[in-house]
Amino acid sequence: MRKKKTSVDRLQISRFKLDSLLDITLSINDNLPTEDLLSKYESILRNKLGIGKIIIFKHSLRWECIL
């Protein structure tokens, strides 16, 4: 029975990963603005994964914190 539970857990994690990747990919293909993409990414990290601290940098002429 334990093996079946482990398989179900792995399937749920894989499905979550694929659904999240699809959501971001479709957003990119829809040419959403950077702010919207970052918002979706932040939502996945905070709400679905429970990650509290996030920081993302962008480099143009200098490094800039964008999230």
N, C-alpha and C. Protein backbone atom coordinates (compact mmCIF):
# COMPACT_ATOMS: atom_id res chain seq x y z
N MET A 1 0.83 -1.20 0.00
CA MET A 1 0.00 0.00 0.00
C MET A 1 0.87 1.25 0.00
N ARG A 2 1.99 1.21 0.72
CA ARG A 2 2.88 2.37 0.80
C ARG A 2 3.44 2.70 -0.57
N LYS A 3 3.77 1.68 -1.36
CA LYS A 3 4.32 1.90 -2.69
C LYS A 3 3.31 2.64 -3.58
N LYS A 4 2.04 2.29 -3.44
CA LYS A 4 1.00 2.95 -4.23
C LYS A 4 0.89 4.42 -3.84
N LYS A 5 0.96 4.73 -2.54
CA LYS A 5 0.89 6.11 -2.07
C LYS A 5 2.06 6.91 -2.61
N THR A 6 3.26 6.32 -2.59
CA THR A 6 4.45 6.99 -3.10
C THR A 6 4.29 7.29 -4.58
N SER A 7 3.76 6.35 -5.33
CA SER A 7 3.56 6.55 -6.77
C SER A 7 2.55 7.66 -7.03
N VAL A 8 1.50 7.71 -6.24
CA VAL A 8 0.49 8.76 -6.38
C VAL A 8 1.09 10.11 -6.05
N ASP A 9 1.89 10.16 -4.98
CA ASP A 9 2.56 11.42 -4.61
C ASP A 9 3.48 11.90 -5.72
N ARG A 10 4.26 10.99 -6.28
CA ARG A 10 5.18 11.36 -7.37
C ARG A 10 4.41 11.85 -8.59
N LEU A 11 3.30 11.20 -8.88
CA LEU A 11 2.46 11.62 -10.00
C LEU A 11 1.90 13.02 -9.78
N GLN A 12 1.44 13.30 -8.56
CA GLN A 12 0.90 14.63 -8.25
C GLN A 12 1.97 15.71 -8.36
N ILE A 13 3.17 15.42 -7.90
CA ILE A 13 4.27 16.39 -8.00
C ILE A 13 4.63 16.63 -9.45
N SER A 14 4.71 15.57 -10.24
CA SER A 14 5.03 15.72 -11.66
C SER A 14 3.95 16.52 -12.38
N ARG A 15 2.71 16.26 -12.05
CA ARG A 15 1.60 16.99 -12.67
C ARG A 15 1.65 18.47 -12.29
N PHE A 16 1.94 18.76 -11.03
CA PHE A 16 2.07 20.14 -10.58
C PHE A 16 3.18 20.85 -11.36
N LYS A 17 4.32 20.20 -11.50
CA LYS A 17 5.44 20.80 -12.23
C LYS A 17 5.06 21.09 -13.68
N LEU A 18 4.42 20.14 -14.33
CA LEU A 18 4.02 20.33 -15.72
C LEU A 18 2.96 21.42 -15.86
N ASP A 19 1.99 21.45 -14.96
CA ASP A 19 0.96 22.49 -15.00
C ASP A 19 1.56 23.88 -14.81
N SER A 20 2.50 23.99 -13.89
CA SER A 20 3.16 25.28 -13.64
C SER A 20 3.98 25.71 -14.84
N LEU A 21 4.72 24.78 -15.40
CA LEU A 21 5.52 25.08 -16.59
C LEU A 21 4.63 25.48 -17.76
N LEU A 22 3.51 24.79 -17.95
CA LEU A 22 2.57 25.13 -19.02
C LEU A 22 2.00 26.52 -18.82
N ASP A 23 1.63 26.85 -17.59
CA ASP A 23 1.06 28.17 -17.29
C ASP A 23 2.04 29.28 -17.66
N ILE A 24 3.29 29.15 -17.25
CA ILE A 24 4.30 30.16 -17.55
C ILE A 24 4.58 30.20 -19.05
N THR A 25 4.68 29.04 -19.69
CA THR A 25 4.96 28.97 -21.13
C THR A 25 3.85 29.63 -21.94
N LEU A 26 2.60 29.36 -21.60
CA LEU A 26 1.48 29.99 -22.31
C LEU A 26 1.49 31.50 -22.12
N SER A 27 1.86 31.93 -20.94
CA SER A 27 1.93 33.37 -20.67
C SER A 27 3.02 34.03 -21.51
N ILE A 28 4.15 33.36 -21.64
CA ILE A 28 5.23 33.88 -22.48
C ILE A 28 4.78 33.93 -23.93
N ASN A 29 4.12 32.86 -24.39
CA ASN A 29 3.65 32.82 -25.78
C ASN A 29 2.58 33.88 -26.06
N ASP A 30 1.85 34.27 -25.03
CA ASP A 30 0.84 35.33 -25.18
C ASP A 30 1.46 36.72 -25.11
N ASN A 31 2.79 36.77 -25.00
CA ASN A 31 3.53 38.04 -24.93
C ASN A 31 3.06 38.92 -23.78
N LEU A 32 2.82 38.31 -22.63
CA LEU A 32 2.44 39.10 -21.47
C LEU A 32 3.61 39.97 -21.04
N PRO A 33 3.31 41.13 -20.49
CA PRO A 33 4.38 42.02 -20.01
C PRO A 33 5.19 41.33 -18.90
N THR A 34 6.41 41.78 -18.75
CA THR A 34 7.31 41.23 -17.74
C THR A 34 6.68 41.24 -16.36
N GLU A 35 5.98 42.31 -16.02
CA GLU A 35 5.36 42.42 -14.70
C GLU A 35 4.34 41.31 -14.48
N ASP A 36 3.56 40.98 -15.52
CA ASP A 36 2.57 39.91 -15.40
C ASP A 36 3.23 38.55 -15.26
N LEU A 37 4.31 38.32 -16.02
CA LEU A 37 5.04 37.06 -15.91
C LEU A 37 5.63 36.89 -14.52
N LEU A 38 6.22 37.96 -14.01
CA LEU A 38 6.80 37.91 -12.67
C LEU A 38 5.72 37.67 -11.62
N SER A 39 4.56 38.25 -11.82
CA SER A 39 3.46 38.07 -10.89
C SER A 39 3.02 36.60 -10.86
N LYS A 40 2.89 35.99 -12.03
CA LYS A 40 2.52 34.58 -12.10
C LYS A 40 3.58 33.70 -11.45
N TYR A 41 4.84 34.00 -11.75
CA TYR A 41 5.95 33.23 -11.19
C TYR A 41 5.97 33.35 -9.67
N GLU A 42 5.77 34.56 -9.19
CA GLU A 42 5.74 34.79 -7.75
C GLU A 42 4.58 34.03 -7.10
N SER A 43 3.43 34.03 -7.76
CA SER A 43 2.26 33.32 -7.24
C SER A 43 2.53 31.82 -7.12
N ILE A 44 3.17 31.26 -8.13
CA ILE A 44 3.50 29.83 -8.08
C ILE A 44 4.44 29.55 -6.92
N LEU A 45 5.48 30.37 -6.80
CA LEU A 45 6.46 30.15 -5.73
C LEU A 45 5.87 30.33 -4.35
N ARG A 46 5.09 31.38 -4.16
CA ARG A 46 4.55 31.68 -2.83
C ARG A 46 3.34 30.81 -2.48
N ASN A 47 2.35 30.79 -3.35
CA ASN A 47 1.07 30.14 -3.03
C ASN A 47 1.09 28.63 -3.21
N LYS A 48 1.75 28.15 -4.26
CA LYS A 48 1.72 26.72 -4.52
C LYS A 48 2.89 25.99 -3.86
N LEU A 49 4.05 26.65 -3.78
CA LEU A 49 5.23 26.00 -3.21
C LEU A 49 5.53 26.44 -1.78
N GLY A 50 4.87 27.51 -1.33
CA GLY A 50 5.07 27.98 0.03
C GLY A 50 6.43 28.62 0.28
N ILE A 51 7.03 29.16 -0.76
CA ILE A 51 8.33 29.84 -0.62
C ILE A 51 8.05 31.28 -0.22
N GLY A 52 8.62 31.71 0.88
CA GLY A 52 8.32 33.04 1.41
C GLY A 52 9.24 34.13 0.92
N LYS A 53 10.51 33.82 0.76
CA LYS A 53 11.48 34.84 0.37
C LYS A 53 11.92 34.61 -1.07
N ILE A 54 11.72 35.64 -1.90
CA ILE A 54 12.06 35.54 -3.32
C ILE A 54 12.79 36.81 -3.72
N ILE A 55 13.84 36.66 -4.51
CA ILE A 55 14.51 37.83 -5.06
C ILE A 55 14.99 37.47 -6.47
N ILE A 56 14.70 38.34 -7.41
CA ILE A 56 15.12 38.14 -8.80
C ILE A 56 15.79 39.42 -9.27
N PHE A 57 16.96 39.25 -9.88
CA PHE A 57 17.70 40.40 -10.40
C PHE A 57 17.71 40.38 -11.92
N LYS A 58 17.81 41.58 -12.48
CA LYS A 58 17.93 41.76 -13.93
C LYS A 58 19.17 42.62 -14.16
N HIS A 59 19.91 42.29 -15.22
CA HIS A 59 21.10 43.07 -15.52
C HIS A 59 20.93 43.76 -16.87
N SER A 60 20.94 45.08 -16.85
CA SER A 60 20.95 45.87 -18.08
C SER A 60 22.29 46.59 -18.09
N LEU A 61 22.30 47.83 -17.67
CA LEU A 61 23.56 48.54 -17.48
C LEU A 61 24.14 48.22 -16.11
N ARG A 62 23.24 47.89 -15.19
CA ARG A 62 23.64 47.51 -13.84
C ARG A 62 22.62 46.50 -13.32
N TRP A 63 22.95 45.86 -12.23
CA TRP A 63 22.02 44.91 -11.63
C TRP A 63 20.87 45.65 -10.96
N GLU A 64 19.67 45.11 -11.16
CA GLU A 64 18.47 45.73 -10.61
C GLU A 64 17.55 44.63 -10.06
N CYS A 65 17.06 44.83 -8.86
CA CYS A 65 16.12 43.88 -8.26
C CYS A 65 14.74 44.11 -8.87
N ILE A 66 14.17 43.06 -9.48
CA ILE A 66 12.86 43.23 -10.11
C ILE A 66 11.75 42.47 -9.38
N LEU A 67 12.13 41.66 -8.39
CA LEU A 67 11.12 40.95 -7.59
C LEU A 67 11.72 40.64 -6.24
